[in-house]
Every structure is written in structure tokens, then in C-alpha cells.
């Protein structure tokens, strides 16, 4: 067993509804937040999946795991994400990934949706799930310190690390994820708890709108994840032996969801920000609607937008040793 005398390792962990994003000294790793109980022979693993054992049950985790559940499989939002069995399986998957690098001690910073972060009891229970000793296939792994931040704060610090000019500004950080959109305001490097929140709208809602239009126009009934696969060009939809052009449907869906997100931002932002930073998997398509809605405000998509939160958490894990920091809660 490794000793407390060993130098700690650091990890930024963004365990979201859509994807798990892990940043350590060895680099960045991302995979789909899909966990499906193993069916049949547990020795037969799908490509791009990870084997995880929780409570004696074998699970497959990763991009191809949804294939096990068939065409009716779809993801969902949990009111208390970390209380769900899916979260526990994904947590174990991250522990196994960390154990491949070291059994610790580890110091980690986690992200949580703003609405859940603001619930102190929930936040403390979330951190409690990570702290301590954990069994892995490599041995007992030690997480000696865990802290939690509202999700978009990671992207802020990822940006601020190379742009110190933000330290005297009111910055609205907008994280457009798969299921949810989160916003926080950081002013003079201090998180403003009075502004921000979470909205149950993101890329998954866009794909659901496209799915509804496919049903209306072509009598198809795809799940949101199947629409995403088609949009990415992996497995297109066909009508009368012709591939369906999804771009007009996608554009219409993005416009509608974009209006919802912009209206919500205006309701939670508080004072007018000096700068708006966008991040998350939907930043590449929703930055422009936000820019059009705020013509007098500087709007920037952060570098490496989809991974920015995990990079920022890793930065905080290395930089912040005290839970008294306004950006980190223990």
C-alpha cells in the first residue's frame, strides 16, 4: 500500500450527464457517461468500453455501451445525480482510471451542476463519496482531499490561467452541456452566489427536437442519442434509399433551444457582465446566438471548450489547498 509520504497526484473530474472528462498530469480523457449492466458472457467486452464492478455486478461503461441496451436506450437527468446507481458506476470507472496511474494519495476537484452545488447537504454528500479509500482492481486507492465547484467555474479558471485581465471584470460563464446549461458570475475573481443557476436544456434537447421533426416528416422514431450519431455522420438516417439531410432540421432546433437559453440567461445574470465566456459541448453552436443577443458585450468561447471545465478543476486541484477559497467548497 502506498504511503502518505508520497507526493499527491491531482485530478480534475467532470462527471457529467453526457460525458465523463478526466484531467490528470498524464493528460485528458473523455468518454460517454453510459453505464449498462453486462449481459451474457462478461469476458466478451465491446470496443471502447470499460469493465467496472459495483456491488458484485459487472457493468460496461463508455461510448459503445448503449449498444447493449438496443434502440430504445436513452439517457436521462437525475434530480440528485450523485445518488443514482449510474453515478456510482461512473465514479468507480474514474477510480479505476486513476488507479492505472497511481494508488495515491490523490487530491481532486469535482464539478457539480449549479443548482445541486448550491444545496450544501448534497454537496457534502457528493464530496464524501469521493474522499477516503476505495477498492480498485489495482488495490486500495486513496483520495485524501476532494473539493467541489459549480461546473462553469472550471472553465473560468482554465481561461483565467492564461488571461489575467479577467481578474477585475464581471464574467458570466455559460456551460452548455448535453442535458443541462449552467451559468455562474465571477467578479474580481470571486464567485457571486446570487447570480447563476441551472437550466434543463442543452444539446440533448436539440436532438430531441430533431427526432420529433424526423417523426413528423419521415415517420421515424429515433432516440436522441441516435440523432446525435446521425448528426456526427456515424450512422445516417435514410428515406427512400436517400440519406436525410439533417442540417435544416438541426438549424431550426438550434434556433429554438438557443432562444430558450438566451431568455434564461437574462433572467439569472444579475448585472450586465463585462465578458461572457462559453464552454461545454454545445458552445460551438450556441456561442453565436449568445453573441447576437449581447451585441455590446464581449462574448468568447474558451479554448478547448468541451474539456475546459476538467482542465480548470485540475488547475484548482494543484493550486488551491484551502477549502476557504470562494471558488472551492469542501
C-alpha atoms as a PDB file:
ATOM      1  CA  UNK A   1       0.000   0.000   0.000  1.00  0.00           C
ATOM      2  CA  UNK A   2       1.311   3.457  -0.836  1.00  0.00           C
ATOM      3  CA  UNK A   3       2.240   5.841   1.954  1.00  0.00           C
ATOM      4  CA  UNK A   4       1.001   9.315   2.893  1.00  0.00           C
ATOM      5  CA  UNK A   5       4.624  10.355   2.413  1.00  0.00           C
ATOM      6  CA  UNK A   6       4.220  10.011  -1.339  1.00  0.00           C
ATOM      7  CA  UNK A   7       3.695  13.200  -3.289  1.00  0.00           C
ATOM      8  CA  UNK A   8      -0.010  13.680  -4.042  1.00  0.00           C
ATOM      9  CA  UNK A   9      -1.426  13.346  -7.536  1.00  0.00           C
ATOM     10  CA  UNK A  10      -4.008  15.806  -8.834  1.00  0.00           C
ATOM     11  CA  UNK A  11      -7.154  15.272 -10.886  1.00  0.00           C
ATOM     12  CA  UNK A  12      -9.923  17.424 -12.314  1.00  0.00           C
ATOM     13  CA  UNK A  13     -13.115  15.392 -12.675  1.00  0.00           C
ATOM     14  CA  UNK A  14     -16.149  16.487 -14.669  1.00  0.00           C
ATOM     15  CA  UNK A  15     -18.600  13.634 -14.280  1.00  0.00           C
ATOM     16  CA  UNK A  16     -21.492  14.989 -16.318  1.00  0.00           C
ATOM     17  CA  UNK A  17     -24.745  13.546 -17.605  1.00  0.00           C
ATOM     18  CA  UNK A  18     -23.372  13.326 -21.134  1.00  0.00           C
ATOM     19  CA  UNK A  19     -19.657  12.641 -20.739  1.00  0.00           C
ATOM     20  CA  UNK A  20     -17.016  11.861 -18.155  1.00  0.00           C
ATOM     21  CA  UNK A  21     -13.996  14.149 -18.501  1.00  0.00           C
ATOM     22  CA  UNK A  22     -10.858  13.439 -16.528  1.00  0.00           C
ATOM     23  CA  UNK A  23      -7.719  15.599 -16.418  1.00  0.00           C
ATOM     24  CA  UNK A  24      -4.552  14.442 -14.686  1.00  0.00           C
ATOM     25  CA  UNK A  25      -0.838  15.049 -15.164  1.00  0.00           C
ATOM     26  CA  UNK A  26      -0.910  12.382 -17.864  1.00  0.00           C
ATOM     27  CA  UNK A  27      -3.404  14.332 -19.943  1.00  0.00           C
ATOM     28  CA  UNK A  28      -7.107  14.468 -20.742  1.00  0.00           C
ATOM     29  CA  UNK A  29      -9.571  11.602 -21.139  1.00  0.00           C
ATOM     30  CA  UNK A  30     -13.222  11.749 -22.204  1.00  0.00           C
ATOM     31  CA  UNK A  31     -15.846   9.032 -22.625  1.00  0.00           C
ATOM     32  CA  UNK A  32     -19.639   8.809 -22.715  1.00  0.00           C
ATOM     33  CA  UNK A  33     -21.488   8.698 -19.377  1.00  0.00           C
ATOM     34  CA  UNK A  34     -23.204   5.471 -20.354  1.00  0.00           C
ATOM     35  CA  UNK A  35     -23.279   2.536 -17.946  1.00  0.00           C
ATOM     36  CA  UNK A  36     -25.099  -0.678 -18.892  1.00  0.00           C
ATOM     37  CA  UNK A  37     -25.202  -3.915 -16.904  1.00  0.00           C
ATOM     38  CA  UNK A  38     -23.215  -6.664 -18.601  1.00  0.00           C
ATOM     39  CA  UNK A  39     -25.358  -9.166 -20.467  1.00  0.00           C
ATOM     40  CA  UNK A  40     -24.166 -12.678 -21.161  1.00  0.00           C
ATOM     41  CA  UNK A  41     -20.503 -13.611 -21.009  1.00  0.00           C
ATOM     42  CA  UNK A  42     -18.639 -10.955 -19.018  1.00  0.00           C
ATOM     43  CA  UNK A  43     -15.413 -11.857 -20.828  1.00  0.00           C
ATOM     44  CA  UNK A  44     -16.843 -10.505 -24.105  1.00  0.00           C
ATOM     45  CA  UNK A  45     -16.326  -6.751 -23.978  1.00  0.00           C
ATOM     46  CA  UNK A  46     -17.457  -4.193 -26.515  1.00  0.00           C
ATOM     47  CA  UNK A  47     -14.929  -1.979 -28.231  1.00  0.00           C
ATOM     48  CA  UNK A  48     -14.374   1.364 -26.464  1.00  0.00           C
ATOM     49  CA  UNK A  49     -15.932   0.211 -23.194  1.00  0.00           C
ATOM     50  CA  UNK A  50     -14.510  -0.305 -19.712  1.00  0.00           C
ATOM     51  CA  UNK A  51     -15.355  -3.141 -17.328  1.00  0.00           C
ATOM     52  CA  UNK A  52     -16.495  -1.933 -13.885  1.00  0.00           C
ATOM     53  CA  UNK A  53     -17.744  -3.979 -10.938  1.00  0.00           C
ATOM     54  CA  UNK A  54     -20.111  -2.334  -8.424  1.00  0.00           C
ATOM     55  CA  UNK A  55     -21.906  -4.294  -5.680  1.00  0.00           C
ATOM     56  CA  UNK A  56     -20.875  -7.542  -7.360  1.00  0.00           C
ATOM     57  CA  UNK A  57     -22.484  -6.595 -10.687  1.00  0.00           C
ATOM     58  CA  UNK A  58     -20.455  -6.178 -13.879  1.00  0.00           C
ATOM     59  CA  UNK A  59     -21.054  -3.044 -15.938  1.00  0.00           C
ATOM     60  CA  UNK A  60     -19.808  -1.779 -19.248  1.00  0.00           C
ATOM     61  CA  UNK A  61     -19.007   1.920 -19.363  1.00  0.00           C
ATOM     62  CA  UNK A  62     -18.222   4.084 -22.359  1.00  0.00           C
ATOM     63  CA  UNK A  63     -19.086   5.125 -25.866  1.00  0.00           C
ATOM     64  CA  UNK A  64     -20.333   1.770 -27.173  1.00  0.00           C
ATOM     65  CA  UNK A  65     -22.167   0.606 -24.050  1.00  0.00           C
ATOM     66  CA  UNK A  66     -25.550   1.881 -25.303  1.00  0.00           C
ATOM     67  CA  UNK A  67     -25.486  -0.807 -27.984  1.00  0.00           C
ATOM     68  CA  UNK A  68     -26.098  -3.372 -25.250  1.00  0.00           C
ATOM     69  CA  UNK A  69     -29.497  -1.886 -24.459  1.00  0.00           C
ATOM     70  CA  UNK A  70     -30.742  -1.726 -28.036  1.00  0.00           C
ATOM     71  CA  UNK A  71     -32.525   1.010 -29.923  1.00  0.00           C
ATOM     72  CA  UNK A  72     -34.755   2.026 -27.013  1.00  0.00           C
ATOM     73  CA  UNK A  73     -31.848   3.036 -24.782  1.00  0.00           C
ATOM     74  CA  UNK A  74     -31.718   6.701 -23.844  1.00  0.00           C
ATOM     75  CA  UNK A  75     -30.035   8.849 -21.218  1.00  0.00           C
ATOM     76  CA  UNK A  76     -31.876  10.797 -18.527  1.00  0.00           C
ATOM     77  CA  UNK A  77     -31.363  13.548 -15.971  1.00  0.00           C
ATOM     78  CA  UNK A  78     -31.356  12.596 -12.288  1.00  0.00           C
ATOM     79  CA  UNK A  79     -32.556  15.176  -9.739  1.00  0.00           C
ATOM     80  CA  UNK A  80     -29.727  14.094  -7.423  1.00  0.00           C
ATOM     81  CA  UNK A  81     -27.140  12.872  -9.873  1.00  0.00           C
ATOM     82  CA  UNK A  82     -24.602  11.541  -7.386  1.00  0.00           C
ATOM     83  CA  UNK A  83     -27.281   9.476  -5.582  1.00  0.00           C
ATOM     84  CA  UNK A  84     -28.049   7.427  -8.680  1.00  0.00           C
ATOM     85  CA  UNK A  85     -26.626   3.998  -9.423  1.00  0.00           C
ATOM     86  CA  UNK A  86     -25.345   5.309 -12.759  1.00  0.00           C
ATOM     87  CA  UNK A  87     -23.230   7.874 -10.927  1.00  0.00           C
ATOM     88  CA  UNK A  88     -21.803   5.237  -8.577  1.00  0.00           C
ATOM     89  CA  UNK A  89     -20.813   3.111 -11.560  1.00  0.00           C
ATOM     90  CA  UNK A  90     -19.216   6.069 -13.332  1.00  0.00           C
ATOM     91  CA  UNK A  91     -17.457   7.086 -10.115  1.00  0.00           C
ATOM     92  CA  UNK A  92     -15.950   3.619  -9.916  1.00  0.00           C
ATOM     93  CA  UNK A  93     -14.887   3.878 -13.547  1.00  0.00           C
ATOM     94  CA  UNK A  94     -12.943   7.061 -12.725  1.00  0.00           C
ATOM     95  CA  UNK A  95     -11.354   5.427  -9.670  1.00  0.00           C
ATOM     96  CA  UNK A  96     -10.193   2.551 -11.872  1.00  0.00           C
ATOM     97  CA  UNK A  97      -8.695   5.042 -14.364  1.00  0.00           C
ATOM     98  CA  UNK A  98      -6.882   6.851 -11.552  1.00  0.00           C
ATOM     99  CA  UNK A  99      -5.590   3.568 -10.160  1.00  0.00           C
ATOM    100  CA  UNK A 100      -3.963   2.840 -13.512  1.00  0.00           C
ATOM    101  CA  UNK A 101      -1.759   5.873 -12.843  1.00  0.00           C
ATOM    102  CA  UNK A 102      -1.282   5.702  -9.074  1.00  0.00           C
ATOM    103  CA  UNK A 103      -2.949   4.465  -5.902  1.00  0.00           C
ATOM    104  CA  UNK A 104      -2.427   7.913  -4.479  1.00  0.00           C
ATOM    105  CA  UNK A 105      -2.737   9.899  -2.448  1.00  0.00           C
ATOM    106  CA  UNK A 106      -4.912  11.940  -4.820  1.00  0.00           C
ATOM    107  CA  UNK A 107      -6.272  15.465  -4.445  1.00  0.00           C
ATOM    108  CA  UNK A 108      -9.282  16.031  -6.696  1.00  0.00           C
ATOM    109  CA  UNK A 109     -11.658  18.824  -7.630  1.00  0.00           C
ATOM    110  CA  UNK A 110     -15.132  17.915  -8.877  1.00  0.00           C
ATOM    111  CA  UNK A 111     -17.767  19.840 -10.765  1.00  0.00           C
ATOM    112  CA  UNK A 112     -21.484  19.853  -9.953  1.00  0.00           C
ATOM    113  CA  UNK A 113     -24.470  21.500 -11.662  1.00  0.00           C
ATOM    114  CA  UNK A 114     -25.017  24.933 -10.107  1.00  0.00           C
ATOM    115  CA  UNK A 115     -28.461  24.040  -8.743  1.00  0.00           C
ATOM    116  CA  UNK A 116     -27.056  20.971  -6.976  1.00  0.00           C
ATOM    117  CA  UNK A 117     -23.858  22.690  -5.820  1.00  0.00           C
ATOM    118  CA  UNK A 118     -25.984  25.281  -4.003  1.00  0.00           C
ATOM    119  CA  UNK A 119     -27.504  22.548  -1.814  1.00  0.00           C
ATOM    120  CA  UNK A 120     -24.973  22.247   0.995  1.00  0.00           C
ATOM    121  CA  UNK A 121     -26.101  18.812   2.202  1.00  0.00           C
ATOM    122  CA  UNK A 122     -25.989  17.387  -1.291  1.00  0.00           C
ATOM    123  CA  UNK A 123     -22.575  18.926  -1.929  1.00  0.00           C
ATOM    124  CA  UNK A 124     -21.146  17.469   1.278  1.00  0.00           C
ATOM    125  CA  UNK A 125     -22.531  14.011   0.472  1.00  0.00           C
ATOM    126  CA  UNK A 126     -21.054  14.224  -3.025  1.00  0.00           C
ATOM    127  CA  UNK A 127     -17.610  15.041  -1.662  1.00  0.00           C
ATOM    128  CA  UNK A 128     -17.981  12.287   0.930  1.00  0.00           C
ATOM    129  CA  UNK A 129     -18.468   9.722  -1.838  1.00  0.00           C
ATOM    130  CA  UNK A 130     -15.046  10.561  -3.241  1.00  0.00           C
ATOM    131  CA  UNK A 131     -12.927  11.074  -0.137  1.00  0.00           C
ATOM    132  CA  UNK A 132     -11.206   8.172   1.523  1.00  0.00           C
ATOM    133  CA  UNK A 133     -10.016   4.732   0.485  1.00  0.00           C
ATOM    134  CA  UNK A 134     -11.532   2.851  -2.433  1.00  0.00           C
ATOM    135  CA  UNK A 135     -11.129  -0.703  -3.693  1.00  0.00           C
ATOM    136  CA  UNK A 136      -9.944  -0.963  -7.313  1.00  0.00           C
ATOM    137  CA  UNK A 137      -8.569  -3.775  -9.436  1.00  0.00           C
ATOM    138  CA  UNK A 138      -5.078  -2.353  -8.780  1.00  0.00           C
ATOM    139  CA  UNK A 139      -5.500  -2.199  -4.998  1.00  0.00           C
ATOM    140  CA  UNK A 140      -6.720   0.325  -2.458  1.00  0.00           C
ATOM    141  CA  UNK A 141      -6.745   3.872  -3.835  1.00  0.00           C
ATOM    142  CA  UNK A 142      -6.599   6.887  -1.520  1.00  0.00           C
ATOM    143  CA  UNK A 143      -8.274  10.228  -2.224  1.00  0.00           C
ATOM    144  CA  UNK A 144      -7.005  12.357   0.643  1.00  0.00           C
ATOM    145  CA  UNK A 145      -8.801  15.541  -0.383  1.00  0.00           C
ATOM    146  CA  UNK A 146     -11.837  16.285  -2.537  1.00  0.00           C
ATOM    147  CA  UNK A 147     -13.464  19.630  -3.205  1.00  0.00           C
ATOM    148  CA  UNK A 148     -16.414  20.713  -5.295  1.00  0.00           C
ATOM    149  CA  UNK A 149     -17.116  23.717  -7.531  1.00  0.00           C
ATOM    150  CA  UNK A 150     -20.109  24.745  -9.655  1.00  0.00           C
ATOM    151  CA  UNK A 151     -19.379  23.365 -13.113  1.00  0.00           C
ATOM    152  CA  UNK A 152     -18.619  26.508 -15.146  1.00  0.00           C
ATOM    153  CA  UNK A 153     -16.042  27.739 -12.599  1.00  0.00           C
ATOM    154  CA  UNK A 154     -13.583  25.249 -14.069  1.00  0.00           C
ATOM    155  CA  UNK A 155     -13.782  26.876 -17.494  1.00  0.00           C
ATOM    156  CA  UNK A 156     -13.322  30.295 -15.894  1.00  0.00           C
ATOM    157  CA  UNK A 157     -10.056  29.272 -14.238  1.00  0.00           C
ATOM    158  CA  UNK A 158      -8.888  27.482 -17.382  1.00  0.00           C
ATOM    159  CA  UNK A 159      -9.347  30.789 -19.221  1.00  0.00           C
ATOM    160  CA  UNK A 160      -8.020  32.989 -16.397  1.00  0.00           C
ATOM    161  CA  UNK A 161      -4.787  30.999 -16.124  1.00  0.00           C
ATOM    162  CA  UNK A 162      -3.625  32.498 -19.436  1.00  0.00           C
ATOM    163  CA  UNK A 163      -5.766  35.668 -19.416  1.00  0.00           C
ATOM    164  CA  UNK A 164      -5.091  37.537 -16.160  1.00  0.00           C
ATOM    165  CA  UNK A 165      -7.009  40.578 -17.435  1.00  0.00           C
ATOM    166  CA  UNK A 166     -10.259  38.935 -16.252  1.00  0.00           C
ATOM    167  CA  UNK A 167      -9.381  39.482 -12.590  1.00  0.00           C
ATOM    168  CA  UNK A 168     -11.106  42.881 -12.447  1.00  0.00           C
ATOM    169  CA  UNK A 169     -14.143  42.027 -14.541  1.00  0.00           C
ATOM    170  CA  UNK A 170     -17.634  40.691 -14.027  1.00  0.00           C
ATOM    171  CA  UNK A 171     -17.578  37.495 -16.060  1.00  0.00           C
ATOM    172  CA  UNK A 172     -20.627  35.390 -16.894  1.00  0.00           C
ATOM    173  CA  UNK A 173     -19.586  31.810 -17.613  1.00  0.00           C
ATOM    174  CA  UNK A 174     -22.083  29.772 -19.629  1.00  0.00           C
ATOM    175  CA  UNK A 175     -21.680  25.996 -19.841  1.00  0.00           C
ATOM    176  CA  UNK A 176     -23.926  24.404 -22.472  1.00  0.00           C
ATOM    177  CA  UNK A 177     -23.805  20.680 -21.799  1.00  0.00           C
ATOM    178  CA  UNK A 178     -25.602  17.621 -23.098  1.00  0.00           C
ATOM    179  CA  UNK A 179     -28.638  17.734 -20.790  1.00  0.00           C
ATOM    180  CA  UNK A 180     -28.227  20.983 -18.891  1.00  0.00           C
ATOM    181  CA  UNK A 181     -26.947  24.531 -19.222  1.00  0.00           C
ATOM    182  CA  UNK A 182     -25.250  26.130 -16.230  1.00  0.00           C
ATOM    183  CA  UNK A 183     -24.254  29.733 -15.579  1.00  0.00           C
ATOM    184  CA  UNK A 184     -22.216  31.476 -12.889  1.00  0.00           C
ATOM    185  CA  UNK A 185     -20.911  35.007 -12.431  1.00  0.00           C
ATOM    186  CA  UNK A 186     -17.340  35.567 -11.242  1.00  0.00           C
ATOM    187  CA  UNK A 187     -16.472  39.154 -10.289  1.00  0.00           C
ATOM    188  CA  UNK A 188     -12.963  40.211  -9.280  1.00  0.00           C
ATOM    189  CA  UNK A 189     -12.078  36.500  -9.148  1.00  0.00           C
ATOM    190  CA  UNK A 190     -14.851  35.872  -6.592  1.00  0.00           C
ATOM    191  CA  UNK A 191     -17.834  33.657  -7.306  1.00  0.00           C
ATOM    192  CA  UNK A 192     -21.088  35.593  -6.923  1.00  0.00           C
ATOM    193  CA  UNK A 193     -23.570  33.169  -5.308  1.00  0.00           C
ATOM    194  CA  UNK A 194     -26.514  35.488  -6.048  1.00  0.00           C
ATOM    195  CA  UNK A 195     -26.216  35.035  -9.812  1.00  0.00           C
ATOM    196  CA  UNK A 196     -26.403  31.867 -11.850  1.00  0.00           C
ATOM    197  CA  UNK A 197     -28.276  28.619 -11.929  1.00  0.00           C
ATOM    198  CA  UNK A 198     -29.091  25.533 -13.980  1.00  0.00           C
ATOM    199  CA  UNK A 199     -31.470  25.024 -16.891  1.00  0.00           C
ATOM    200  CA  UNK A 200     -32.624  21.621 -18.140  1.00  0.00           C
ATOM    201  CA  UNK A 201     -31.821  22.394 -21.763  1.00  0.00           C
ATOM    202  CA  UNK A 202     -28.792  21.547 -23.863  1.00  0.00           C
ATOM    203  CA  UNK A 203     -27.696  19.501 -26.831  1.00  0.00           C
ATOM    204  CA  UNK A 204     -29.908  16.578 -25.867  1.00  0.00           C
ATOM    205  CA  UNK A 205     -32.953  18.830 -26.181  1.00  0.00           C
ATOM    206  CA  UNK A 206     -31.752  19.873 -29.642  1.00  0.00           C
ATOM    207  CA  UNK A 207     -31.514  16.223 -30.668  1.00  0.00           C
ATOM    208  CA  UNK A 208     -34.968  15.517 -29.227  1.00  0.00           C
ATOM    209  CA  UNK A 209     -36.441  18.356 -31.299  1.00  0.00           C
ATOM    210  CA  UNK A 210     -34.767  16.930 -34.414  1.00  0.00           C
ATOM    211  CA  UNK A 211     -36.125  13.480 -33.512  1.00  0.00           C
ATOM    212  CA  UNK A 212     -39.643  14.918 -33.299  1.00  0.00           C
ATOM    213  CA  UNK A 213     -39.275  16.538 -36.732  1.00  0.00           C
ATOM    214  CA  UNK A 214     -37.984  13.272 -38.177  1.00  0.00           C
ATOM    215  CA  UNK A 215     -41.106  11.601 -36.849  1.00  0.00           C
ATOM    216  CA  UNK A 216     -43.371  14.280 -38.301  1.00  0.00           C
ATOM    217  CA  UNK A 217     -41.633  14.371 -41.709  1.00  0.00           C
ATOM    218  CA  UNK A 218     -40.453  10.796 -42.234  1.00  0.00           C
ATOM    219  CA  UNK A 219     -42.316   8.651 -39.658  1.00  0.00           C
ATOM    220  CA  UNK A 220     -39.029   7.746 -37.984  1.00  0.00           C
ATOM    221  CA  UNK A 221     -38.834   7.345 -34.200  1.00  0.00           C
ATOM    222  CA  UNK A 222     -35.176   7.730 -33.195  1.00  0.00           C
ATOM    223  CA  UNK A 223     -33.850   8.330 -29.690  1.00  0.00           C
ATOM    224  CA  UNK A 224     -31.826  11.472 -29.015  1.00  0.00           C
ATOM    225  CA  UNK A 225     -28.536   9.553 -28.956  1.00  0.00           C
ATOM    226  CA  UNK A 226     -29.324   8.050 -32.380  1.00  0.00           C
ATOM    227  CA  UNK A 227     -29.919  11.557 -33.759  1.00  0.00           C
ATOM    228  CA  UNK A 228     -26.563  12.626 -32.336  1.00  0.00           C
ATOM    229  CA  UNK A 229     -24.903   9.669 -34.042  1.00  0.00           C
ATOM    230  CA  UNK A 230     -26.510  10.652 -37.352  1.00  0.00           C
ATOM    231  CA  UNK A 231     -25.550  14.325 -36.968  1.00  0.00           C
ATOM    232  CA  UNK A 232     -21.951  13.268 -36.403  1.00  0.00           C
ATOM    233  CA  UNK A 233     -22.112  11.252 -39.608  1.00  0.00           C
ATOM    234  CA  UNK A 234     -21.588   7.881 -37.946  1.00  0.00           C
ATOM    235  CA  UNK A 235     -24.924   6.316 -38.841  1.00  0.00           C
ATOM    236  CA  UNK A 236     -27.199   8.488 -41.035  1.00  0.00           C
ATOM    237  CA  UNK A 237     -30.943   8.102 -41.432  1.00  0.00           C
ATOM    238  CA  UNK A 238     -32.403   7.091 -44.801  1.00  0.00           C
ATOM    239  CA  UNK A 239     -35.713   7.806 -46.503  1.00  0.00           C
ATOM    240  CA  UNK A 240     -36.476   6.011 -49.789  1.00  0.00           C
ATOM    241  CA  UNK A 241     -32.835   4.926 -50.050  1.00  0.00           C
ATOM    242  CA  UNK A 242     -31.573   8.505 -49.708  1.00  0.00           C
ATOM    243  CA  UNK A 243     -29.644   9.822 -46.720  1.00  0.00           C
ATOM    244  CA  UNK A 244     -31.664  12.521 -44.948  1.00  0.00           C
ATOM    245  CA  UNK A 245     -30.047  15.956 -44.819  1.00  0.00           C
ATOM    246  CA  UNK A 246     -30.296  16.809 -41.116  1.00  0.00           C
ATOM    247  CA  UNK A 247     -28.813  20.300 -41.361  1.00  0.00           C
ATOM    248  CA  UNK A 248     -32.104  22.208 -41.946  1.00  0.00           C
ATOM    249  CA  UNK A 249     -33.732  20.337 -39.048  1.00  0.00           C
ATOM    250  CA  UNK A 250     -30.701  20.890 -36.842  1.00  0.00           C
ATOM    251  CA  UNK A 251     -30.610  24.608 -37.653  1.00  0.00           C
ATOM    252  CA  UNK A 252     -34.282  25.004 -36.740  1.00  0.00           C
ATOM    253  CA  UNK A 253     -33.835  23.075 -33.483  1.00  0.00           C
ATOM    254  CA  UNK A 254     -30.757  25.079 -32.500  1.00  0.00           C
ATOM    255  CA  UNK A 255     -32.610  28.331 -33.104  1.00  0.00           C
ATOM    256  CA  UNK A 256     -35.499  27.325 -30.835  1.00  0.00           C
ATOM    257  CA  UNK A 257     -33.350  25.984 -27.989  1.00  0.00           C
ATOM    258  CA  UNK A 258     -30.996  28.957 -28.360  1.00  0.00           C
ATOM    259  CA  UNK A 259     -33.875  31.377 -27.731  1.00  0.00           C
ATOM    260  CA  UNK A 260     -34.778  29.444 -24.581  1.00  0.00           C
ATOM    261  CA  UNK A 261     -31.197  29.568 -23.298  1.00  0.00           C
ATOM    262  CA  UNK A 262     -30.750  33.290 -24.032  1.00  0.00           C
ATOM    263  CA  UNK A 263     -34.043  34.167 -22.290  1.00  0.00           C
ATOM    264  CA  UNK A 264     -32.936  32.140 -19.270  1.00  0.00           C
ATOM    265  CA  UNK A 265     -29.505  33.860 -19.149  1.00  0.00           C
ATOM    266  CA  UNK A 266     -31.195  37.253 -18.981  1.00  0.00           C
ATOM    267  CA  UNK A 267     -33.288  36.074 -16.021  1.00  0.00           C
ATOM    268  CA  UNK A 268     -30.325  34.883 -13.904  1.00  0.00           C
ATOM    269  CA  UNK A 269     -27.359  37.075 -14.858  1.00  0.00           C
ATOM    270  CA  UNK A 270     -27.888  39.938 -12.396  1.00  0.00           C
ATOM    271  CA  UNK A 271     -25.876  42.975 -13.507  1.00  0.00           C
ATOM    272  CA  UNK A 272     -24.669  43.243 -17.085  1.00  0.00           C
ATOM    273  CA  UNK A 273     -21.387  41.303 -17.397  1.00  0.00           C
ATOM    274  CA  UNK A 274     -18.189  42.740 -18.847  1.00  0.00           C
ATOM    275  CA  UNK A 275     -17.429  39.438 -20.537  1.00  0.00           C
ATOM    276  CA  UNK A 276     -19.323  36.252 -21.382  1.00  0.00           C
ATOM    277  CA  UNK A 277     -17.358  33.020 -21.645  1.00  0.00           C
ATOM    278  CA  UNK A 278     -18.981  29.978 -23.232  1.00  0.00           C
ATOM    279  CA  UNK A 279     -17.882  26.395 -22.724  1.00  0.00           C
ATOM    280  CA  UNK A 280     -19.207  22.850 -22.864  1.00  0.00           C
ATOM    281  CA  UNK A 281     -20.102  20.518 -25.708  1.00  0.00           C
ATOM    282  CA  UNK A 282     -22.717  22.927 -27.059  1.00  0.00           C
ATOM    283  CA  UNK A 283     -20.517  26.038 -27.016  1.00  0.00           C
ATOM    284  CA  UNK A 284     -19.552  25.665 -30.677  1.00  0.00           C
ATOM    285  CA  UNK A 285     -23.177  26.094 -31.793  1.00  0.00           C
ATOM    286  CA  UNK A 286     -24.622  28.316 -29.057  1.00  0.00           C
ATOM    287  CA  UNK A 287     -21.878  30.959 -28.817  1.00  0.00           C
ATOM    288  CA  UNK A 288     -23.156  32.827 -31.866  1.00  0.00           C
ATOM    289  CA  UNK A 289     -26.781  33.133 -30.620  1.00  0.00           C
ATOM    290  CA  UNK A 290     -25.429  34.497 -27.323  1.00  0.00           C
ATOM    291  CA  UNK A 291     -23.190  36.947 -29.205  1.00  0.00           C
ATOM    292  CA  UNK A 292     -26.147  38.191 -31.242  1.00  0.00           C
ATOM    293  CA  UNK A 293     -28.206  38.620 -28.069  1.00  0.00           C
ATOM    294  CA  UNK A 294     -25.426  40.668 -26.430  1.00  0.00           C
ATOM    295  CA  UNK A 295     -24.070  42.890 -29.246  1.00  0.00           C
ATOM    296  CA  UNK A 296     -22.458  45.334 -26.782  1.00  0.00           C
ATOM    297  CA  UNK A 297     -20.739  42.660 -24.700  1.00  0.00           C
ATOM    298  CA  UNK A 298     -17.606  40.686 -25.486  1.00  0.00           C
ATOM    299  CA  UNK A 299     -18.514  37.012 -25.936  1.00  0.00           C
ATOM    300  CA  UNK A 300     -15.750  34.402 -26.183  1.00  0.00           C
ATOM    301  CA  UNK A 301     -15.751  30.634 -26.486  1.00  0.00           C
ATOM    302  CA  UNK A 302     -12.968  29.380 -24.223  1.00  0.00           C
ATOM    303  CA  UNK A 303     -10.100  27.379 -25.630  1.00  0.00           C
ATOM    304  CA  UNK A 304     -10.803  23.646 -25.767  1.00  0.00           C
ATOM    305  CA  UNK A 305     -14.402  24.381 -24.767  1.00  0.00           C
ATOM    306  CA  UNK A 306     -15.569  20.812 -24.208  1.00  0.00           C
ATOM    307  CA  UNK A 307     -12.648  19.942 -21.938  1.00  0.00           C
ATOM    308  CA  UNK A 308     -12.238  23.380 -20.316  1.00  0.00           C
ATOM    309  CA  UNK A 309     -14.006  22.563 -17.040  1.00  0.00           C
ATOM    310  CA  UNK A 310     -11.880  19.471 -16.393  1.00  0.00           C
ATOM    311  CA  UNK A 311      -8.702  21.442 -17.190  1.00  0.00           C
ATOM    312  CA  UNK A 312      -9.814  24.155 -14.764  1.00  0.00           C
ATOM    313  CA  UNK A 313     -10.606  21.665 -11.999  1.00  0.00           C
ATOM    314  CA  UNK A 314      -7.139  20.177 -12.415  1.00  0.00           C
ATOM    315  CA  UNK A 315      -5.641  23.661 -12.163  1.00  0.00           C
ATOM    316  CA  UNK A 316      -7.608  24.267  -8.945  1.00  0.00           C
ATOM    317  CA  UNK A 317      -6.628  20.881  -7.502  1.00  0.00           C
ATOM    318  CA  UNK A 318      -2.976  21.853  -7.876  1.00  0.00           C
ATOM    319  CA  UNK A 319      -3.391  25.483  -6.848  1.00  0.00           C
ATOM    320  CA  UNK A 320      -5.912  25.501  -4.007  1.00  0.00           C
ATOM    321  CA  UNK A 321      -5.044  23.891  -0.712  1.00  0.00           C
ATOM    322  CA  UNK A 322      -7.652  25.610   1.429  1.00  0.00           C
ATOM    323  CA  UNK A 323     -11.402  24.967   1.345  1.00  0.00           C
ATOM    324  CA  UNK A 324     -11.834  28.642   2.320  1.00  0.00           C
ATOM    325  CA  UNK A 325     -11.356  29.682  -1.288  1.00  0.00           C
ATOM    326  CA  UNK A 326     -14.592  31.234  -2.661  1.00  0.00           C
ATOM    327  CA  UNK A 327     -14.325  29.039  -5.729  1.00  0.00           C
ATOM    328  CA  UNK A 328     -13.950  25.714  -3.913  1.00  0.00           C
ATOM    329  CA  UNK A 329     -16.277  24.108  -1.370  1.00  0.00           C
ATOM    330  CA  UNK A 330     -15.379  21.239   0.909  1.00  0.00           C
END
